[in-house]
């Protein structure tokens, strides 16, 4: 089975490497020093589930060199999806499916707009991982889990084939939920709240959940997202916030979100696709989101500085 991975960061790099380790034909599409390191020494994954080095990794910066594949894993950051989806056109044939691994809830529709709805899948990736250097990914915690599915909820042979491919990979748990939209929004509720509170406080998850005031801030942000989801006809399970807080309590205390790390490092982040998306989507269905709006507005100066729109 042929795969292309666009965006070889914490998620794309990890899941792509595990597929390659399982014997699948995987091409990594990267840039700059990261691409050079992968070409020279392979792609290295340091993982709590066992390390792996894809020593003969296939890598390029030009999707046109790869040709049509069976599946594209979209591993870029959420704000990069529209451009990456257009670049992926060279990889897409009549039966190619594109799986988004981003945080946020807007990627499937962006992929569908760029490439056609018939090529878009829904997906969530749950993992604490990040790039620590060129050609080097670190999986620091959380059981690497994928949820995949058709956007209309139908069972399909291509989704089942993708599940089986990932089931062959070491260190990956994969499921096909009854409604991928519910799964995507459930993750959105978790990651957006954590990312916003973590970026504002600059504290690791263990601190956020142990300080009563920031714990309440986290829960309040989740409750707002739940209301926005229900107003958009997303049937999140009853008690989703309580269940998510239980999950938060199970994660490594030193965990930080990718958005938090990016903003602290002065890099562009997924702010618009997370906290910003909550405020936009809430306004569309007349659901107030004051906590998420505060987090979004408080972080905007850092985001705009990272993008060269402000200087301070």
Protein backbone atom coordinates (compact mmCIF):
# COMPACT_ATOMS: atom_id res chain seq x y z
CA UNK A 1 0.00 0.00 0.00
CA UNK A 2 1.39 3.41 -0.97
CA UNK A 3 1.31 6.37 1.40
CA UNK A 4 2.50 9.96 1.25
CA UNK A 5 2.93 12.03 4.38
CA UNK A 6 2.70 15.79 3.94
CA UNK A 7 4.09 17.50 7.02
CA UNK A 8 6.59 15.34 8.89
CA UNK A 9 6.06 16.76 12.37
CA UNK A 10 5.05 15.10 15.62
CA UNK A 11 1.95 13.37 14.24
CA UNK A 12 2.79 12.89 10.56
CA UNK A 13 6.33 11.78 11.34
CA UNK A 14 5.30 9.31 14.02
CA UNK A 15 2.42 7.62 12.19
CA UNK A 16 4.24 7.64 8.86
CA UNK A 17 7.32 6.03 10.42
CA UNK A 18 5.21 3.31 12.02
CA UNK A 19 3.63 2.52 8.66
CA UNK A 20 7.06 2.33 7.05
CA UNK A 21 8.30 0.12 9.88
CA UNK A 22 5.37 -2.23 9.14
CA UNK A 23 6.52 -2.57 5.53
CA UNK A 24 4.31 -0.08 3.71
CA UNK A 25 5.61 2.15 0.92
CA UNK A 26 5.78 5.59 2.54
CA UNK A 27 7.15 8.81 1.06
CA UNK A 28 7.72 11.77 3.41
CA UNK A 29 7.22 15.24 1.98
CA UNK A 30 9.27 17.73 3.95
CA UNK A 31 11.43 20.82 3.50
CA UNK A 32 14.80 22.31 4.32
CA UNK A 33 17.05 20.82 6.99
CA UNK A 34 14.38 18.31 7.99
CA UNK A 35 14.27 16.92 4.45
CA UNK A 36 18.06 16.88 4.18
CA UNK A 37 18.41 14.98 7.46
CA UNK A 38 15.79 12.40 6.48
CA UNK A 39 17.52 11.83 3.14
CA UNK A 40 20.94 11.49 4.78
CA UNK A 41 20.23 9.51 7.95
CA UNK A 42 16.58 8.48 7.82
CA UNK A 43 13.71 9.47 10.08
CA UNK A 44 14.31 8.81 13.77
CA UNK A 45 11.47 8.36 16.26
CA UNK A 46 12.21 8.29 20.00
CA UNK A 47 9.12 6.79 21.60
CA UNK A 48 7.93 5.53 24.97
CA UNK A 49 6.50 2.66 22.90
CA UNK A 50 9.87 1.74 21.42
CA UNK A 51 12.21 3.69 19.17
CA UNK A 52 12.42 3.29 15.42
CA UNK A 53 14.67 4.62 12.67
CA UNK A 54 13.39 4.50 9.09
CA UNK A 55 16.93 4.35 7.76
CA UNK A 56 16.07 4.26 4.06
CA UNK A 57 13.16 6.69 4.22
CA UNK A 58 11.91 8.00 0.88
CA UNK A 59 11.65 11.80 1.06
CA UNK A 60 11.11 14.76 -1.25
CA UNK A 61 9.86 18.33 -1.22
CA UNK A 62 7.91 17.91 -4.47
CA UNK A 63 4.71 15.80 -4.47
CA UNK A 64 4.93 15.59 -8.26
CA UNK A 65 7.96 13.29 -7.89
CA UNK A 66 5.86 10.77 -5.96
CA UNK A 67 2.87 10.23 -8.22
CA UNK A 68 -0.50 8.82 -7.22
CA UNK A 69 -0.73 7.05 -3.86
CA UNK A 70 -3.45 5.13 -2.05
CA UNK A 71 -3.56 7.42 0.99
CA UNK A 72 -2.23 10.84 1.92
CA UNK A 73 -1.63 11.60 5.59
CA UNK A 74 -2.03 15.34 6.08
CA UNK A 75 0.34 16.14 8.95
CA UNK A 76 0.82 19.90 8.52
CA UNK A 77 -0.50 22.36 11.06
CA UNK A 78 -4.15 23.28 10.79
CA UNK A 79 -3.54 26.72 9.28
CA UNK A 80 -1.46 25.13 6.51
CA UNK A 81 -4.12 22.66 5.33
CA UNK A 82 -5.61 24.65 2.41
CA UNK A 83 -2.20 25.18 0.78
CA UNK A 84 -1.05 21.62 1.51
CA UNK A 85 -4.26 20.18 0.09
CA UNK A 86 -3.74 22.04 -3.17
CA UNK A 87 -0.15 20.76 -3.31
CA UNK A 88 -1.44 17.22 -2.72
CA UNK A 89 -3.32 17.21 -6.03
CA UNK A 90 -0.35 15.51 -7.71
CA UNK A 91 -0.70 12.58 -5.27
CA UNK A 92 -4.42 12.08 -5.79
CA UNK A 93 -5.88 9.62 -8.26
CA UNK A 94 -9.48 8.45 -8.64
CA UNK A 95 -9.41 6.29 -5.47
CA UNK A 96 -6.95 8.22 -3.28
CA UNK A 97 -8.15 9.15 0.21
CA UNK A 98 -6.72 12.00 2.29
CA UNK A 99 -6.64 11.65 6.07
CA UNK A 100 -6.23 14.82 8.17
CA UNK A 101 -4.25 14.49 11.41
CA UNK A 102 -4.66 18.12 12.48
CA UNK A 103 -6.09 19.62 15.60
CA UNK A 104 -9.33 21.49 14.90
CA UNK A 105 -12.52 20.62 13.04
CA UNK A 106 -12.21 22.44 9.71
CA UNK A 107 -9.59 20.36 7.84
CA UNK A 108 -11.95 17.80 6.22
CA UNK A 109 -14.01 20.50 4.55
CA UNK A 110 -10.86 22.32 3.43
CA UNK A 111 -9.54 19.11 1.88
CA UNK A 112 -12.90 18.47 0.23
CA UNK A 113 -12.94 21.98 -1.23
CA UNK A 114 -9.43 21.64 -2.66
CA UNK A 115 -9.54 18.05 -3.91
CA UNK A 116 -13.19 16.97 -4.03
CA UNK A 117 -15.36 15.55 -1.28
CA UNK A 118 -14.85 12.01 -2.55
CA UNK A 119 -11.19 12.19 -1.48
CA UNK A 120 -11.71 13.55 2.05
CA UNK A 121 -11.79 11.43 5.19
CA UNK A 122 -12.27 12.51 8.77
CA UNK A 123 -9.62 11.74 11.33
CA UNK A 124 -8.22 12.49 14.75
CA UNK A 125 -4.72 11.83 16.05
CA UNK A 126 -4.11 11.63 19.78
CA UNK A 127 -0.44 11.76 20.70
CA UNK A 128 2.02 13.98 22.56
CA UNK A 129 4.88 14.22 20.09
CA UNK A 130 7.02 16.88 18.47
CA UNK A 131 10.02 17.48 16.28
CA UNK A 132 13.18 17.93 18.36
CA UNK A 133 15.56 18.43 15.46
CA UNK A 134 16.05 17.75 11.75
CA UNK A 135 14.99 14.18 11.01
CA UNK A 136 14.17 13.55 14.67
CA UNK A 137 10.70 13.15 16.28
CA UNK A 138 10.04 12.53 19.98
CA UNK A 139 6.90 10.74 21.21
CA UNK A 140 6.78 11.86 24.83
CA UNK A 141 3.47 10.48 26.05
CA UNK A 142 -0.14 9.43 25.49
CA UNK A 143 -1.02 6.22 23.66
CA UNK A 144 -0.81 7.01 19.92
CA UNK A 145 -4.40 6.67 18.78
CA UNK A 146 -6.14 7.32 15.47
CA UNK A 147 -9.86 7.59 14.81
CA UNK A 148 -10.77 7.47 11.13
CA UNK A 149 -13.99 7.49 9.14
CA UNK A 150 -16.02 8.65 6.18
CA UNK A 151 -17.51 12.11 6.59
CA UNK A 152 -21.05 10.78 6.08
CA UNK A 153 -20.61 8.01 8.67
CA UNK A 154 -20.82 5.20 6.13
CA UNK A 155 -18.67 2.10 6.45
CA UNK A 156 -16.32 1.75 3.50
CA UNK A 157 -13.71 -0.65 2.19
CA UNK A 158 -11.09 2.09 1.98
CA UNK A 159 -11.46 3.04 5.62
CA UNK A 160 -11.31 -0.59 6.69
CA UNK A 161 -8.18 -1.11 4.56
CA UNK A 162 -6.59 1.92 6.21
CA UNK A 163 -7.52 0.59 9.65
CA UNK A 164 -5.87 -2.71 8.83
CA UNK A 165 -2.71 -0.97 7.62
CA UNK A 166 -2.38 0.93 10.88
CA UNK A 167 -3.28 -2.19 12.88
CA UNK A 168 -0.13 -3.78 11.45
CA UNK A 169 1.97 -0.92 12.81
CA UNK A 170 3.67 -1.12 16.19
CA UNK A 171 2.64 1.47 18.75
CA UNK A 172 -0.62 2.58 17.10
CA UNK A 173 -4.22 2.06 18.18
CA UNK A 174 -6.81 2.73 15.48
CA UNK A 175 -10.62 2.70 15.59
CA UNK A 176 -13.51 3.55 13.27
CA UNK A 177 -16.09 5.46 15.34
CA UNK A 178 -19.77 5.47 14.43
CA UNK A 179 -19.57 9.21 13.67
CA UNK A 180 -16.15 10.70 12.94
CA UNK A 181 -17.57 14.19 13.39
CA UNK A 182 -18.36 13.42 17.03
CA UNK A 183 -14.85 12.06 17.54
CA UNK A 184 -13.32 15.12 15.90
CA UNK A 185 -15.31 17.55 18.03
CA UNK A 186 -14.54 15.58 21.20
CA UNK A 187 -10.83 16.00 20.51
CA UNK A 188 -11.40 19.65 19.55
CA UNK A 189 -13.04 20.23 22.93
CA UNK A 190 -9.99 18.79 24.68
CA UNK A 191 -7.11 20.17 22.67
CA UNK A 192 -8.50 23.67 22.17
CA UNK A 193 -9.14 24.20 25.87
CA UNK A 194 -5.74 22.82 26.87
CA UNK A 195 -3.92 24.76 24.15
CA UNK A 196 -5.54 28.07 25.09
CA UNK A 197 -5.11 27.77 28.84
CA UNK A 198 -1.61 26.33 28.47
CA UNK A 199 -0.48 29.12 26.15
CA UNK A 200 -1.88 31.86 28.40
CA UNK A 201 -0.46 30.41 31.61
CA UNK A 202 2.71 28.93 30.06
CA UNK A 203 2.27 26.09 32.54
CA UNK A 204 2.42 22.33 31.95
CA UNK A 205 -0.74 20.28 32.20
CA UNK A 206 0.00 19.02 35.70
CA UNK A 207 0.05 22.57 37.03
CA UNK A 208 -3.06 23.63 35.11
CA UNK A 209 -5.14 20.75 36.45
CA UNK A 210 -3.89 21.08 40.04
CA UNK A 211 -4.52 24.82 40.51
CA UNK A 212 -8.28 25.21 41.20
CA UNK A 213 -8.59 28.46 39.27
CA UNK A 214 -6.94 27.21 36.08
CA UNK A 215 -8.75 23.89 36.35
CA UNK A 216 -12.06 25.78 36.36
CA UNK A 217 -10.85 27.87 33.40
CA UNK A 218 -10.14 24.66 31.49
CA UNK A 219 -13.56 23.21 32.30
CA UNK A 220 -15.38 26.42 31.39
CA UNK A 221 -13.64 26.54 27.99
CA UNK A 222 -14.72 22.92 27.40
CA UNK A 223 -18.32 23.66 28.36
CA UNK A 224 -18.49 26.48 25.82
CA UNK A 225 -17.17 24.21 23.07
CA UNK A 226 -19.72 21.55 23.98
CA UNK A 227 -22.52 24.09 23.57
CA UNK A 228 -21.16 25.20 20.18
CA UNK A 229 -20.95 21.56 19.05
CA UNK A 230 -24.53 20.79 20.06
CA UNK A 231 -25.75 23.93 18.31
CA UNK A 232 -24.04 22.55 15.17
CA UNK A 233 -25.94 19.24 15.53
CA UNK A 234 -22.87 17.34 16.76
CA UNK A 235 -24.12 14.65 19.12
CA UNK A 236 -21.39 14.64 21.72
CA UNK A 237 -21.98 12.06 24.47
CA UNK A 238 -23.54 13.14 27.74
CA UNK A 239 -20.91 13.97 30.32
CA UNK A 240 -18.26 14.72 27.70
CA UNK A 241 -16.62 17.46 29.77
CA UNK A 242 -16.35 15.28 32.89
CA UNK A 243 -14.94 12.43 30.80
CA UNK A 244 -12.42 14.76 29.16
CA UNK A 245 -11.28 16.08 32.54
CA UNK A 246 -10.73 12.48 33.67
CA UNK A 247 -8.59 12.00 30.57
CA UNK A 248 -6.70 15.22 31.38
CA UNK A 249 -5.93 13.82 34.83
CA UNK A 250 -4.41 10.70 33.25
CA UNK A 251 -1.89 12.53 31.06
CA UNK A 252 1.77 13.19 31.93
CA UNK A 253 2.12 16.16 34.27
CA UNK A 254 4.82 17.79 32.13
CA UNK A 255 2.72 17.68 28.94
CA UNK A 256 2.34 20.82 26.85
CA UNK A 257 0.31 21.41 23.70
CA UNK A 258 1.87 22.11 20.31
CA UNK A 259 0.16 25.52 20.14
CA UNK A 260 1.57 26.40 23.55
CA UNK A 261 5.08 25.38 22.52
CA UNK A 262 4.87 27.27 19.23
CA UNK A 263 3.72 30.53 20.80
CA UNK A 264 6.35 30.34 23.55
CA UNK A 265 8.99 29.77 20.86
CA UNK A 266 7.74 32.73 18.82
CA UNK A 267 6.45 30.56 15.96
CA UNK A 268 3.12 30.77 14.08
CA UNK A 269 0.59 28.50 15.75
CA UNK A 270 -2.85 26.93 15.34
CA UNK A 271 -4.52 29.71 17.36
CA UNK A 272 -6.94 30.67 14.56
CA UNK A 273 -7.94 27.03 14.02
CA UNK A 274 -8.51 26.37 17.73
CA UNK A 275 -9.53 29.24 20.02
CA UNK A 276 -10.27 31.44 17.01
CA UNK A 277 -12.47 28.76 15.45
CA UNK A 278 -14.51 28.44 18.66
CA UNK A 279 -15.29 32.16 18.61
CA UNK A 280 -16.19 32.11 14.90
CA UNK A 281 -18.28 28.95 15.02
CA UNK A 282 -19.99 30.09 18.21
CA UNK A 283 -20.93 33.42 16.65
CA UNK A 284 -22.42 31.61 13.63
CA UNK A 285 -24.89 29.74 15.88
CA UNK A 286 -25.36 32.57 18.43
CA UNK A 287 -23.63 30.68 21.27
CA UNK A 288 -21.56 32.96 23.54
CA UNK A 289 -17.95 31.85 24.07
CA UNK A 290 -16.46 34.44 26.47
CA UNK A 291 -13.77 32.19 27.95
CA UNK A 292 -12.48 31.02 24.59
CA UNK A 293 -12.73 34.56 23.25
CA UNK A 294 -10.59 35.78 26.16
CA UNK A 295 -7.96 33.11 25.48
CA UNK A 296 -8.00 33.91 21.75
CA UNK A 297 -7.77 37.67 22.21
CA UNK A 298 -5.07 37.41 24.89
CA UNK A 299 -2.89 35.35 22.55
CA UNK A 300 -3.46 37.32 19.35
CA UNK A 301 -0.53 39.73 19.89
CA UNK A 302 1.90 36.80 20.20
CA UNK A 303 0.43 35.14 17.10
CA UNK A 304 0.62 38.32 15.05
CA UNK A 305 4.19 38.98 16.17
CA UNK A 306 5.14 35.43 15.11
CA UNK A 307 3.64 36.10 11.67
CA UNK A 308 5.44 39.41 11.27
CA UNK A 309 2.28 41.49 11.63
CA UNK A 310 3.34 43.16 14.90
CA UNK A 311 6.68 44.16 16.36
CA UNK A 312 7.26 44.39 20.10
